[in-house]
């Protein structure tokens, strides 16, 4: 039970870090570092045989990867929206 709570804490910290990286930095590739590392880690876990490659063990990893890649996309969309809002404010001040 303790290991599960540590896992959720680490996942929460990674989610916050992912959100901040995606919404604050200009280059979209920076936001892809964490999802890419998670994907590589997932592949390594299954390729090394540490976890059997079965549906009940693959499903949580698929969900995890989907969430992090989705957060990357959402963060980039939010960054673009903020950028557009700033441009609209600048245009309004120019007029």
C-alpha atoms as a PDB file:
ATOM      1  CA  UNK A   1       0.000   0.000   0.000  1.00  0.00           C
ATOM      2  CA  UNK A   2       2.881   2.325   0.804  1.00  0.00           C
ATOM      3  CA  UNK A   3       4.462   1.697  -2.614  1.00  0.00           C
ATOM      4  CA  UNK A   4       1.194   2.565  -4.326  1.00  0.00           C
ATOM      5  CA  UNK A   5       0.966   5.915  -2.530  1.00  0.00           C
ATOM      6  CA  UNK A   6       4.572   6.688  -3.464  1.00  0.00           C
ATOM      7  CA  UNK A   7       3.765   5.864  -7.088  1.00  0.00           C
ATOM      8  CA  UNK A   8       0.774   8.210  -7.081  1.00  0.00           C
ATOM      9  CA  UNK A   9       2.867  10.954  -5.476  1.00  0.00           C
ATOM     10  CA  UNK A  10       5.569  10.601  -8.129  1.00  0.00           C
ATOM     11  CA  UNK A  11       2.953  10.570 -10.898  1.00  0.00           C
ATOM     12  CA  UNK A  12       1.364  13.715  -9.455  1.00  0.00           C
ATOM     13  CA  UNK A  13       4.697  15.509  -9.329  1.00  0.00           C
ATOM     14  CA  UNK A  14       5.437  14.475 -12.909  1.00  0.00           C
ATOM     15  CA  UNK A  15       2.000  15.711 -14.024  1.00  0.00           C
ATOM     16  CA  UNK A  16       2.572  19.128 -12.434  1.00  0.00           C
ATOM     17  CA  UNK A  17       6.052  19.334 -13.931  1.00  0.00           C
ATOM     18  CA  UNK A  18       4.713  18.309 -17.343  1.00  0.00           C
ATOM     19  CA  UNK A  19       1.998  20.986 -17.162  1.00  0.00           C
ATOM     20  CA  UNK A  20       4.486  23.699 -16.250  1.00  0.00           C
ATOM     21  CA  UNK A  21       6.950  22.704 -18.954  1.00  0.00           C
ATOM     22  CA  UNK A  22       4.258  22.552 -21.644  1.00  0.00           C
ATOM     23  CA  UNK A  23       2.585  25.841 -20.815  1.00  0.00           C
ATOM     24  CA  UNK A  24       5.638  27.982 -20.034  1.00  0.00           C
ATOM     25  CA  UNK A  25       8.355  27.057 -22.503  1.00  0.00           C
ATOM     26  CA  UNK A  26       8.325  28.209 -26.112  1.00  0.00           C
ATOM     27  CA  UNK A  27       9.711  25.061 -27.751  1.00  0.00           C
ATOM     28  CA  UNK A  28       7.131  22.235 -27.801  1.00  0.00           C
ATOM     29  CA  UNK A  29       9.832  19.562 -27.677  1.00  0.00           C
ATOM     30  CA  UNK A  30      10.643  20.359 -24.037  1.00  0.00           C
ATOM     31  CA  UNK A  31       7.172  19.248 -23.028  1.00  0.00           C
ATOM     32  CA  UNK A  32       7.670  15.941 -24.780  1.00  0.00           C
ATOM     33  CA  UNK A  33      10.630  14.884 -22.659  1.00  0.00           C
ATOM     34  CA  UNK A  34       8.616  13.381 -19.794  1.00  0.00           C
ATOM     35  CA  UNK A  35       6.108  11.487 -21.987  1.00  0.00           C
ATOM     36  CA  UNK A  36       8.951  10.198 -24.142  1.00  0.00           C
ATOM     37  CA  UNK A  37      10.897   8.993 -21.093  1.00  0.00           C
ATOM     38  CA  UNK A  38       7.786   7.265 -19.776  1.00  0.00           C
ATOM     39  CA  UNK A  39       7.248   5.579 -23.143  1.00  0.00           C
ATOM     40  CA  UNK A  40      10.882   4.431 -23.276  1.00  0.00           C
ATOM     41  CA  UNK A  41      10.608   3.173 -19.703  1.00  0.00           C
ATOM     42  CA  UNK A  42       7.443   1.269 -20.556  1.00  0.00           C
ATOM     43  CA  UNK A  43       9.078  -0.375 -23.550  1.00  0.00           C
ATOM     44  CA  UNK A  44      12.125  -1.255 -21.464  1.00  0.00           C
ATOM     45  CA  UNK A  45       9.999  -2.799 -18.697  1.00  0.00           C
ATOM     46  CA  UNK A  46       8.221  -5.098 -21.138  1.00  0.00           C
ATOM     47  CA  UNK A  47      11.298  -5.842 -23.264  1.00  0.00           C
ATOM     48  CA  UNK A  48      13.381  -6.815 -20.244  1.00  0.00           C
ATOM     49  CA  UNK A  49      10.706  -9.228 -19.053  1.00  0.00           C
ATOM     50  CA  UNK A  50      10.244  -7.577 -15.646  1.00  0.00           C
ATOM     51  CA  UNK A  51       6.506  -7.495 -16.254  1.00  0.00           C
ATOM     52  CA  UNK A  52       4.701 -10.109 -18.358  1.00  0.00           C
ATOM     53  CA  UNK A  53       3.273  -8.828 -21.620  1.00  0.00           C
ATOM     54  CA  UNK A  54      -0.410  -9.498 -20.924  1.00  0.00           C
ATOM     55  CA  UNK A  55      -3.522  -7.375 -21.282  1.00  0.00           C
ATOM     56  CA  UNK A  56      -3.947  -6.861 -17.530  1.00  0.00           C
ATOM     57  CA  UNK A  57      -0.378  -5.561 -17.202  1.00  0.00           C
ATOM     58  CA  UNK A  58      -0.220  -3.594 -20.456  1.00  0.00           C
ATOM     59  CA  UNK A  59      -3.444  -1.662 -19.849  1.00  0.00           C
ATOM     60  CA  UNK A  60      -2.147   0.530 -16.953  1.00  0.00           C
ATOM     61  CA  UNK A  61       0.934   1.442 -18.982  1.00  0.00           C
ATOM     62  CA  UNK A  62      -1.198   2.378 -21.989  1.00  0.00           C
ATOM     63  CA  UNK A  63      -3.378   4.572 -19.781  1.00  0.00           C
ATOM     64  CA  UNK A  64      -0.318   6.236 -18.230  1.00  0.00           C
ATOM     65  CA  UNK A  65       1.253   6.956 -21.604  1.00  0.00           C
ATOM     66  CA  UNK A  66      -2.046   8.243 -22.995  1.00  0.00           C
ATOM     67  CA  UNK A  67      -2.509  10.615 -20.079  1.00  0.00           C
ATOM     68  CA  UNK A  68       0.983  12.082 -20.350  1.00  0.00           C
ATOM     69  CA  UNK A  69       0.872  12.495 -24.134  1.00  0.00           C
ATOM     70  CA  UNK A  70      -2.611  14.036 -23.768  1.00  0.00           C
ATOM     71  CA  UNK A  71      -1.296  16.476 -21.179  1.00  0.00           C
ATOM     72  CA  UNK A  72       1.482  17.416 -23.554  1.00  0.00           C
ATOM     73  CA  UNK A  73      -1.067  18.229 -26.250  1.00  0.00           C
ATOM     74  CA  UNK A  74      -3.324  20.138 -23.849  1.00  0.00           C
ATOM     75  CA  UNK A  75      -0.396  22.134 -22.508  1.00  0.00           C
ATOM     76  CA  UNK A  76       0.674  23.164 -26.002  1.00  0.00           C
ATOM     77  CA  UNK A  77      -2.868  24.220 -26.865  1.00  0.00           C
ATOM     78  CA  UNK A  78      -3.027  26.302 -23.699  1.00  0.00           C
ATOM     79  CA  UNK A  79       0.328  27.892 -24.547  1.00  0.00           C
ATOM     80  CA  UNK A  80      -0.949  28.812 -28.012  1.00  0.00           C
ATOM     81  CA  UNK A  81      -4.129  30.292 -26.520  1.00  0.00           C
ATOM     82  CA  UNK A  82      -2.107  32.434 -24.110  1.00  0.00           C
ATOM     83  CA  UNK A  83       0.078  33.585 -26.967  1.00  0.00           C
ATOM     84  CA  UNK A  84      -2.962  34.562 -29.043  1.00  0.00           C
ATOM     85  CA  UNK A  85      -4.479  36.450 -26.096  1.00  0.00           C
ATOM     86  CA  UNK A  86      -1.268  38.407 -25.617  1.00  0.00           C
ATOM     87  CA  UNK A  87      -1.165  39.246 -29.320  1.00  0.00           C
ATOM     88  CA  UNK A  88      -4.788  40.410 -29.207  1.00  0.00           C
ATOM     89  CA  UNK A  89      -4.011  42.641 -26.203  1.00  0.00           C
ATOM     90  CA  UNK A  90      -1.032  44.119 -28.031  1.00  0.00           C
ATOM     91  CA  UNK A  91      -3.145  44.770 -31.132  1.00  0.00           C
ATOM     92  CA  UNK A  92      -5.865  46.392 -29.014  1.00  0.00           C
ATOM     93  CA  UNK A  93      -3.313  48.741 -27.468  1.00  0.00           C
ATOM     94  CA  UNK A  94      -1.959  49.667 -30.905  1.00  0.00           C
ATOM     95  CA  UNK A  95      -5.383  50.742 -32.141  1.00  0.00           C
END
